[in-house]
Amino acid sequence: MEGQTSQLGRKIALEVSRTLAVYGFAGWFYIVLTALVEPDTLGLKLTHFASFPHDDTFGEACFLISGVSFFIFNMLRTPAKSDQQG
């Protein structure tokens, strides 16, 4: 039973990290396209609902989240050598 719980936790962490990596990359890519098309808007607020974050700050956060999540995803995706033998 304990092995099933750890496998379920691993699957959840794998899917959460993949989701964060994909959506983080999508947010960063949106900001990259915005910077290419309308570079003057990078210093503006991301939304009119809140004064923070700005477009450039959102892009930085998305890039960081995407990179870290992709690293975690790859760590979880590759089983440890002891898992492969057992």
PDB file of N, CA and C in Angstrom:
ATOM      1  N   MET A   1       0.821  -1.200   0.000  1.00  0.00           N
ATOM      2  CA  MET A   1       0.000   0.000   0.000  1.00  0.00           C
ATOM      3  C   MET A   1       0.862   1.259   0.000  1.00  0.00           C
ATOM      4  N   GLU A   2       1.973   1.222   0.748  1.00  0.00           N
ATOM      5  CA  GLU A   2       2.838   2.388   0.811  1.00  0.00           C
ATOM      6  C   GLU A   2       3.495   2.663  -0.538  1.00  0.00           C
ATOM      7  N   GLY A   3       3.830   1.618  -1.276  1.00  0.00           N
ATOM      8  CA  GLY A   3       4.426   1.779  -2.600  1.00  0.00           C
ATOM      9  C   GLY A   3       3.462   2.430  -3.575  1.00  0.00           C
ATOM     10  N   GLN A   4       2.167   2.083  -3.444  1.00  0.00           N
ATOM     11  CA  GLN A   4       1.164   2.688  -4.320  1.00  0.00           C
ATOM     12  C   GLN A   4       1.000   4.170  -4.016  1.00  0.00           C
ATOM     13  N   THR A   5       1.080   4.529  -2.753  1.00  0.00           N
ATOM     14  CA  THR A   5       0.950   5.936  -2.362  1.00  0.00           C
ATOM     15  C   THR A   5       2.113   6.750  -2.905  1.00  0.00           C
ATOM     16  N   SER A   6       3.331   6.204  -2.810  1.00  0.00           N
ATOM     17  CA  SER A   6       4.488   6.941  -3.327  1.00  0.00           C
ATOM     18  C   SER A   6       4.435   7.023  -4.847  1.00  0.00           C
ATOM     19  N   GLN A   7       3.942   5.988  -5.504  1.00  0.00           N
ATOM     20  CA  GLN A   7       3.783   6.033  -6.965  1.00  0.00           C
ATOM     21  C   GLN A   7       2.754   7.074  -7.362  1.00  0.00           C
ATOM     22  N   LEU A   8       1.665   7.171  -6.599  1.00  0.00           N
ATOM     23  CA  LEU A   8       0.637   8.163  -6.888  1.00  0.00           C
ATOM     24  C   LEU A   8       1.195   9.568  -6.677  1.00  0.00           C
ATOM     25  N   GLY A   9       1.934   9.767  -5.602  1.00  0.00           N
ATOM     26  CA  GLY A   9       2.557  11.061  -5.350  1.00  0.00           C
ATOM     27  C   GLY A   9       3.549  11.433  -6.438  1.00  0.00           C
ATOM     28  N   ARG A  10       4.286  10.446  -6.922  1.00  0.00           N
ATOM     29  CA  ARG A  10       5.243  10.688  -8.009  1.00  0.00           C
ATOM     30  C   ARG A  10       4.516  11.076  -9.291  1.00  0.00           C
ATOM     31  N   LYS A  11       3.416  10.394  -9.592  1.00  0.00           N
ATOM     32  CA  LYS A  11       2.639  10.718 -10.792  1.00  0.00           C
ATOM     33  C   LYS A  11       2.041  12.114 -10.705  1.00  0.00           C
ATOM     34  N   ILE A  12       1.539  12.469  -9.538  1.00  0.00           N
ATOM     35  CA  ILE A  12       0.968  13.813  -9.356  1.00  0.00           C
ATOM     36  C   ILE A  12       2.055  14.873  -9.517  1.00  0.00           C
ATOM     37  N   ALA A  13       3.205  14.654  -8.880  1.00  0.00           N
ATOM     38  CA  ALA A  13       4.310  15.611  -9.000  1.00  0.00           C
ATOM     39  C   ALA A  13       4.796  15.707 -10.440  1.00  0.00           C
ATOM     40  N   LEU A  14       4.811  14.593 -11.149  1.00  0.00           N
ATOM     41  CA  LEU A  14       5.225  14.581 -12.549  1.00  0.00           C
ATOM     42  C   LEU A  14       4.277  15.416 -13.400  1.00  0.00           C
ATOM     43  N   GLU A  15       2.991  15.229 -13.212  1.00  0.00           N
ATOM     44  CA  GLU A  15       2.007  15.969 -14.006  1.00  0.00           C
ATOM     45  C   GLU A  15       1.943  17.447 -13.633  1.00  0.00           C
ATOM     46  N   VAL A  16       2.091  17.754 -12.351  1.00  0.00           N
ATOM     47  CA  VAL A  16       2.092  19.162 -11.932  1.00  0.00           C
ATOM     48  C   VAL A  16       3.319  19.870 -12.502  1.00  0.00           C
ATOM     49  N   SER A  17       4.475  19.221 -12.439  1.00  0.00           N
ATOM     50  CA  SER A  17       5.684  19.853 -12.963  1.00  0.00           C
ATOM     51  C   SER A  17       5.603  20.017 -14.475  1.00  0.00           C
ATOM     52  N   ARG A  18       5.006  19.057 -15.172  1.00  0.00           N
ATOM     53  CA  ARG A  18       4.846  19.193 -16.620  1.00  0.00           C
ATOM     54  C   ARG A  18       3.894  20.341 -16.951  1.00  0.00           C
ATOM     55  N   THR A  19       2.796  20.433 -16.223  1.00  0.00           N
ATOM     56  CA  THR A  19       1.825  21.502 -16.456  1.00  0.00           C
ATOM     57  C   THR A  19       2.441  22.870 -16.212  1.00  0.00           C
ATOM     58  N   LEU A  20       3.177  23.017 -15.107  1.00  0.00           N
ATOM     59  CA  LEU A  20       3.829  24.292 -14.820  1.00  0.00           C
ATOM     60  C   LEU A  20       4.885  24.636 -15.871  1.00  0.00           C
ATOM     61  N   ALA A  21       5.609  23.632 -16.347  1.00  0.00           N
ATOM     62  CA  ALA A  21       6.621  23.885 -17.375  1.00  0.00           C
ATOM     63  C   ALA A  21       5.981  24.363 -18.673  1.00  0.00           C
ATOM     64  N   VAL A  22       4.894  23.727 -19.077  1.00  0.00           N
ATOM     65  CA  VAL A  22       4.233  24.091 -20.337  1.00  0.00           C
ATOM     66  C   VAL A  22       3.583  25.460 -20.235  1.00  0.00           C
ATOM     67  N   TYR A  23       2.811  25.693 -19.191  1.00  0.00           N
ATOM     68  CA  TYR A  23       2.134  26.989 -19.049  1.00  0.00           C
ATOM     69  C   TYR A  23       3.125  28.119 -18.753  1.00  0.00           C
ATOM     70  N   GLY A  24       4.185  27.827 -18.012  1.00  0.00           N
ATOM     71  CA  GLY A  24       5.218  28.828 -17.790  1.00  0.00           C
ATOM     72  C   GLY A  24       5.903  29.220 -19.082  1.00  0.00           C
ATOM     73  N   PHE A  25       6.178  28.223 -19.917  1.00  0.00           N
ATOM     74  CA  PHE A  25       6.780  28.515 -21.215  1.00  0.00           C
ATOM     75  C   PHE A  25       5.816  29.307 -22.092  1.00  0.00           C
ATOM     76  N   ALA A  26       4.544  28.967 -22.050  1.00  0.00           N
ATOM     77  CA  ALA A  26       3.555  29.694 -22.847  1.00  0.00           C
ATOM     78  C   ALA A  26       3.478  31.160 -22.415  1.00  0.00           C
ATOM     79  N   GLY A  27       3.499  31.415 -21.116  1.00  0.00           N
ATOM     80  CA  GLY A  27       3.481  32.792 -20.617  1.00  0.00           C
ATOM     81  C   GLY A  27       4.726  33.546 -21.025  1.00  0.00           C
ATOM     82  N   TRP A  28       5.883  32.898 -20.927  1.00  0.00           N
ATOM     83  CA  TRP A  28       7.131  33.540 -21.328  1.00  0.00           C
ATOM     84  C   TRP A  28       7.128  33.814 -22.831  1.00  0.00           C
ATOM     85  N   PHE A  29       6.645  32.874 -23.625  1.00  0.00           N
ATOM     86  CA  PHE A  29       6.605  33.040 -25.077  1.00  0.00           C
ATOM     87  C   PHE A  29       5.664  34.189 -25.460  1.00  0.00           C
ATOM     88  N   TYR A  30       4.574  34.333 -24.743  1.00  0.00           N
ATOM     89  CA  TYR A  30       3.663  35.457 -24.963  1.00  0.00           C
ATOM     90  C   TYR A  30       4.394  36.786 -24.752  1.00  0.00           C
ATOM     91  N   ILE A  31       5.168  36.879 -23.697  1.00  0.00           N
ATOM     92  CA  ILE A  31       5.902  38.107 -23.408  1.00  0.00           C
ATOM     93  C   ILE A  31       6.992  38.342 -24.466  1.00  0.00           C
ATOM     94  N   VAL A  32       7.629  37.276 -24.942  1.00  0.00           N
ATOM     95  CA  VAL A  32       8.626  37.415 -26.002  1.00  0.00           C
ATOM     96  C   VAL A  32       7.977  37.983 -27.258  1.00  0.00           C
ATOM     97  N   LEU A  33       6.830  37.454 -27.627  1.00  0.00           N
ATOM     98  CA  LEU A  33       6.126  37.981 -28.802  1.00  0.00           C
ATOM     99  C   LEU A  33       5.704  39.427 -28.592  1.00  0.00           C
ATOM    100  N   THR A  34       5.242  39.737 -27.399  1.00  0.00           N
ATOM    101  CA  THR A  34       4.871  41.118 -27.084  1.00  0.00           C
ATOM    102  C   THR A  34       6.075  42.044 -27.198  1.00  0.00           C
ATOM    103  N   ALA A  35       7.232  41.584 -26.735  1.00  0.00           N
ATOM    104  CA  ALA A  35       8.448  42.392 -26.806  1.00  0.00           C
ATOM    105  C   ALA A  35       8.871  42.636 -28.250  1.00  0.00           C
ATOM    106  N   LEU A  36       8.609  41.677 -29.109  1.00  0.00           N
ATOM    107  CA  LEU A  36       8.960  41.848 -30.519  1.00  0.00           C
ATOM    108  C   LEU A  36       8.002  42.787 -31.238  1.00  0.00           C
ATOM    109  N   VAL A  37       6.715  42.694 -30.906  1.00  0.00           N
ATOM    110  CA  VAL A  37       5.695  43.467 -31.613  1.00  0.00           C
ATOM    111  C   VAL A  37       5.490  44.848 -30.999  1.00  0.00           C
ATOM    112  N   GLU A  38       5.370  44.918 -29.693  1.00  0.00           N
ATOM    113  CA  GLU A  38       5.111  46.170 -28.975  1.00  0.00           C
ATOM    114  C   GLU A  38       6.062  46.316 -27.782  1.00  0.00           C
ATOM    115  N   PRO A  39       7.326  46.594 -28.019  1.00  0.00           N
ATOM    116  CA  PRO A  39       8.288  46.646 -26.912  1.00  0.00           C
ATOM    117  C   PRO A  39       8.005  47.749 -25.892  1.00  0.00           C
ATOM    118  N   ASP A  40       7.268  48.768 -26.280  1.00  0.00           N
ATOM    119  CA  ASP A  40       6.957  49.856 -25.344  1.00  0.00           C
ATOM    120  C   ASP A  40       6.018  49.423 -24.224  1.00  0.00           C
ATOM    121  N   THR A  41       5.334  48.306 -24.393  1.00  0.00           N
ATOM    122  CA  THR A  41       4.354  47.866 -23.396  1.00  0.00           C
ATOM    123  C   THR A  41       4.959  47.017 -22.285  1.00  0.00           C
ATOM    124  N   LEU A  42       6.234  46.693 -22.352  1.00  0.00           N
ATOM    125  CA  LEU A  42       6.832  45.812 -21.341  1.00  0.00           C
ATOM    126  C   LEU A  42       6.792  46.395 -19.936  1.00  0.00           C
ATOM    127  N   GLY A  43       6.830  47.687 -19.815  1.00  0.00           N
ATOM    128  CA  GLY A  43       6.798  48.318 -18.501  1.00  0.00           C
ATOM    129  C   GLY A  43       5.397  48.554 -17.971  1.00  0.00           C
ATOM    130  N   LEU A  44       4.380  48.235 -18.766  1.00  0.00           N
ATOM    131  CA  LEU A  44       2.996  48.451 -18.340  1.00  0.00           C
ATOM    132  C   LEU A  44       2.521  47.328 -17.430  1.00  0.00           C
ATOM    133  N   LYS A  45       1.413  47.594 -16.733  1.00  0.00           N
ATOM    134  CA  LYS A  45       0.819  46.566 -15.867  1.00  0.00           C
ATOM    135  C   LYS A  45       0.334  45.400 -16.726  1.00  0.00           C
ATOM    136  N   LEU A  46       0.419  44.215 -16.168  1.00  0.00           N
ATOM    137  CA  LEU A  46      -0.052  43.023 -16.875  1.00  0.00           C
ATOM    138  C   LEU A  46      -1.569  43.033 -17.004  1.00  0.00           C
ATOM    139  N   THR A  47      -2.237  43.513 -15.970  1.00  0.00           N
ATOM    140  CA  THR A  47      -3.694  43.576 -15.971  1.00  0.00           C
ATOM    141  C   THR A  47      -4.148  44.863 -15.304  1.00  0.00           C
ATOM    142  N   HIS A  48      -5.331  45.293 -15.612  1.00  0.00           N
ATOM    143  CA  HIS A  48      -5.844  46.516 -14.988  1.00  0.00           C
ATOM    144  C   HIS A  48      -6.417  46.254 -13.597  1.00  0.00           C
ATOM    145  N   PHE A  49      -6.489  44.990 -13.192  1.00  0.00           N
ATOM    146  CA  PHE A  49      -7.029  44.639 -11.872  1.00  0.00           C
ATOM    147  C   PHE A  49      -6.029  44.876 -10.748  1.00  0.00           C
ATOM    148  N   ALA A  50      -4.743  44.797 -11.048  1.00  0.00           N
ATOM    149  CA  ALA A  50      -3.721  44.926 -10.007  1.00  0.00           C
ATOM    150  C   ALA A  50      -2.566  45.774 -10.532  1.00  0.00           C
ATOM    151  N   SER A  51      -1.878  46.429  -9.625  1.00  0.00           N
ATOM    152  CA  SER A  51      -0.747  47.253 -10.047  1.00  0.00           C
ATOM    153  C   SER A  51       0.520  46.430 -10.265  1.00  0.00           C
ATOM    154  N   PHE A  52       0.523  45.198  -9.849  1.00  0.00           N
ATOM    155  CA  PHE A  52       1.678  44.321  -9.998  1.00  0.00           C
ATOM    156  C   PHE A  52       1.193  42.981 -10.496  1.00  0.00           C
ATOM    157  N   PRO A  53       1.802  42.275 -11.340  1.00  0.00           N
ATOM    158  CA  PRO A  53       3.105  42.474 -11.952  1.00  0.00           C
ATOM    159  C   PRO A  53       3.000  43.241 -13.274  1.00  0.00           C
ATOM    160  N   HIS A  54       4.146  43.662 -13.748  1.00  0.00           N
ATOM    161  CA  HIS A  54       4.251  44.264 -15.068  1.00  0.00           C
ATOM    162  C   HIS A  54       4.558  43.163 -16.078  1.00  0.00           C
ATOM    163  N   ASP A  55       4.451  43.469 -17.337  1.00  0.00           N
ATOM    164  CA  ASP A  55       4.706  42.462 -18.367  1.00  0.00           C
ATOM    165  C   ASP A  55       6.097  41.856 -18.247  1.00  0.00           C
ATOM    166  N   ASP A  56       7.100  42.696 -18.048  1.00  0.00           N
ATOM    167  CA  ASP A  56       8.463  42.174 -17.984  1.00  0.00           C
ATOM    168  C   ASP A  56       8.687  41.288 -16.754  1.00  0.00           C
ATOM    169  N   THR A  57       8.098  41.656 -15.629  1.00  0.00           N
ATOM    170  CA  THR A  57       8.209  40.843 -14.409  1.00  0.00           C
ATOM    171  C   THR A  57       7.501  39.504 -14.591  1.00  0.00           C
ATOM    172  N   PHE A  58       6.349  39.534 -15.236  1.00  0.00           N
ATOM    173  CA  PHE A  58       5.611  38.300 -15.525  1.00  0.00           C
ATOM    174  C   PHE A  58       6.447  37.375 -16.407  1.00  0.00           C
ATOM    175  N   GLY A  59       7.103  37.926 -17.404  1.00  0.00           N
ATOM    176  CA  GLY A  59       7.954  37.118 -18.285  1.00  0.00           C
ATOM    177  C   GLY A  59       9.103  36.477 -17.538  1.00  0.00           C
ATOM    178  N   GLU A  60       9.728  37.237 -16.649  1.00  0.00           N
ATOM    179  CA  GLU A  60      10.826  36.685 -15.854  1.00  0.00           C
ATOM    180  C   GLU A  60      10.344  35.555 -14.953  1.00  0.00           C
ATOM    181  N   ALA A  61       9.203  35.756 -14.306  1.00  0.00           N
ATOM    182  CA  ALA A  61       8.651  34.722 -13.425  1.00  0.00           C
ATOM    183  C   ALA A  61       8.281  33.472 -14.223  1.00  0.00           C
ATOM    184  N   CYS A  62       7.678  33.659 -15.377  1.00  0.00           N
ATOM    185  CA  CYS A  62       7.307  32.516 -16.210  1.00  0.00           C
ATOM    186  C   CYS A  62       8.530  31.733 -16.661  1.00  0.00           C
ATOM    187  N   PHE A  63       9.583  32.449 -17.042  1.00  0.00           N
ATOM    188  CA  PHE A  63      10.810  31.785 -17.474  1.00  0.00           C
ATOM    189  C   PHE A  63      11.405  30.966 -16.337  1.00  0.00           C
ATOM    190  N   LEU A  64      11.435  31.528 -15.140  1.00  0.00           N
ATOM    191  CA  LEU A  64      11.970  30.823 -13.982  1.00  0.00           C
ATOM    192  C   LEU A  64      11.124  29.601 -13.633  1.00  0.00           C
ATOM    193  N   ILE A  65       9.813  29.776 -13.586  1.00  0.00           N
ATOM    194  CA  ILE A  65       8.910  28.666 -13.274  1.00  0.00           C
ATOM    195  C   ILE A  65       9.028  27.560 -14.311  1.00  0.00           C
ATOM    196  N   SER A  66       9.080  27.946 -15.575  1.00  0.00           N
ATOM    197  CA  SER A  66       9.192  26.963 -16.643  1.00  0.00           C
ATOM    198  C   SER A  66      10.490  26.170 -16.529  1.00  0.00           C
ATOM    199  N   GLY A  67      11.594  26.860 -16.309  1.00  0.00           N
ATOM    200  CA  GLY A  67      12.886  26.180 -16.210  1.00  0.00           C
ATOM    201  C   GLY A  67      12.976  25.240 -15.032  1.00  0.00           C
ATOM    202  N   VAL A  68      12.568  25.698 -13.875  1.00  0.00           N
ATOM    203  CA  VAL A  68      12.622  24.861 -12.674  1.00  0.00           C
ATOM    204  C   VAL A  68      11.673  23.669 -12.804  1.00  0.00           C
ATOM    205  N   SER A  69      10.479  23.915 -13.304  1.00  0.00           N
ATOM    206  CA  SER A  69       9.501  22.832 -13.452  1.00  0.00           C
ATOM    207  C   SER A  69       9.960  21.793 -14.467  1.00  0.00           C
ATOM    208  N   PHE A  70      10.596  22.249 -15.545  1.00  0.00           N
ATOM    209  CA  PHE A  70      11.094  21.302 -16.540  1.00  0.00           C
ATOM    210  C   PHE A  70      12.222  20.460 -15.954  1.00  0.00           C
ATOM    211  N   PHE A  71      13.073  21.073 -15.144  1.00  0.00           N
ATOM    212  CA  PHE A  71      14.136  20.334 -14.473  1.00  0.00           C
ATOM    213  C   PHE A  71      13.539  19.270 -13.546  1.00  0.00           C
ATOM    214  N   ILE A  72      12.546  19.648 -12.748  1.00  0.00           N
ATOM    215  CA  ILE A  72      11.892  18.700 -11.839  1.00  0.00           C
ATOM    216  C   ILE A  72      11.207  17.596 -12.629  1.00  0.00           C
ATOM    217  N   PHE A  73      10.538  17.965 -13.707  1.00  0.00           N
ATOM    218  CA  PHE A  73       9.872  16.981 -14.556  1.00  0.00           C
ATOM    219  C   PHE A  73      10.866  15.946 -15.076  1.00  0.00           C
ATOM    220  N   ASN A  74      12.015  16.405 -15.550  1.00  0.00           N
ATOM    221  CA  ASN A  74      13.014  15.464 -16.058  1.00  0.00           C
ATOM    222  C   ASN A  74      13.610  14.601 -14.960  1.00  0.00           C
ATOM    223  N   MET A  75      13.753  15.157 -13.764  1.00  0.00           N
ATOM    224  CA  MET A  75      14.248  14.363 -12.640  1.00  0.00           C
ATOM    225  C   MET A  75      13.257  13.260 -12.267  1.00  0.00           C
ATOM    226  N   LEU A  76      11.976  13.588 -12.292  1.00  0.00           N
ATOM    227  CA  LEU A  76      10.952  12.601 -11.929  1.00  0.00           C
ATOM    228  C   LEU A  76      10.691  11.603 -13.052  1.00  0.00           C
ATOM    229  N   ARG A  77      10.855  12.054 -14.283  1.00  0.00           N
ATOM    230  CA  ARG A  77      10.559  11.192 -15.427  1.00  0.00           C
ATOM    231  C   ARG A  77      11.564  10.066 -15.553  1.00  0.00           C
ATOM    232  N   THR A  78      12.819  10.355 -15.237  1.00  0.00           N
ATOM    233  CA  THR A  78      13.857   9.348 -15.324  1.00  0.00           C
ATOM    234  C   THR A  78      13.903   8.564 -14.024  1.00  0.00           C
ATOM    235  N   PRO A  79      13.535   7.288 -14.075  1.00  0.00           N
ATOM    236  CA  PRO A  79      13.552   6.509 -12.828  1.00  0.00           C
ATOM    237  C   PRO A  79      14.989   6.273 -12.335  1.00  0.00           C
ATOM    238  N   ALA A  80      15.115   6.189 -11.033  1.00  0.00           N
ATOM    239  CA  ALA A  80      16.424   5.910 -10.429  1.00  0.00           C
ATOM    240  C   ALA A  80      16.856   4.510 -10.788  1.00  0.00           C
ATOM    241  N   LYS A  81      18.146   4.244 -10.742  1.00  0.00           N
ATOM    242  CA  LYS A  81      18.661   2.924 -11.112  1.00  0.00           C
ATOM    243  C   LYS A  81      18.105   1.839 -10.209  1.00  0.00           C
ATOM    244  N   SER A  82      17.890   2.146  -8.938  1.00  0.00           N
ATOM    245  CA  SER A  82      17.335   1.152  -8.027  1.00  0.00           C
ATOM    246  C   SER A  82      15.892   0.833  -8.389  1.00  0.00           C
ATOM    247  N   ASP A  83      15.149   1.818  -8.940  1.00  0.00           N
ATOM    248  CA  ASP A  83      13.786   1.563  -9.388  1.00  0.00           C
ATOM    249  C   ASP A  83      13.764   0.667 -10.620  1.00  0.00           C
ATOM    250  N   GLN A  84      14.744   0.792 -11.507  1.00  0.00           N
ATOM    251  CA  GLN A  84      14.784   0.000 -12.721  1.00  0.00           C
ATOM    252  C   GLN A  84      15.103  -1.453 -12.406  1.00  0.00           C
ATOM    253  N   GLN A  85      15.944  -1.707 -11.408  1.00  0.00           N
ATOM    254  CA  GLN A  85      16.344  -3.066 -11.078  1.00  0.00           C
ATOM    255  C   GLN A  85      15.274  -3.774 -10.258  1.00  0.00           C
ATOM    256  N   GLY A  86      14.506  -3.011  -9.472  1.00  0.00           N
ATOM    257  CA  GLY A  86      13.547  -3.613  -8.559  1.00  0.00           C
ATOM    258  C   GLY A  86      12.252  -3.773  -9.166  1.00  0.00           C
TER     259      GLY A  86
END
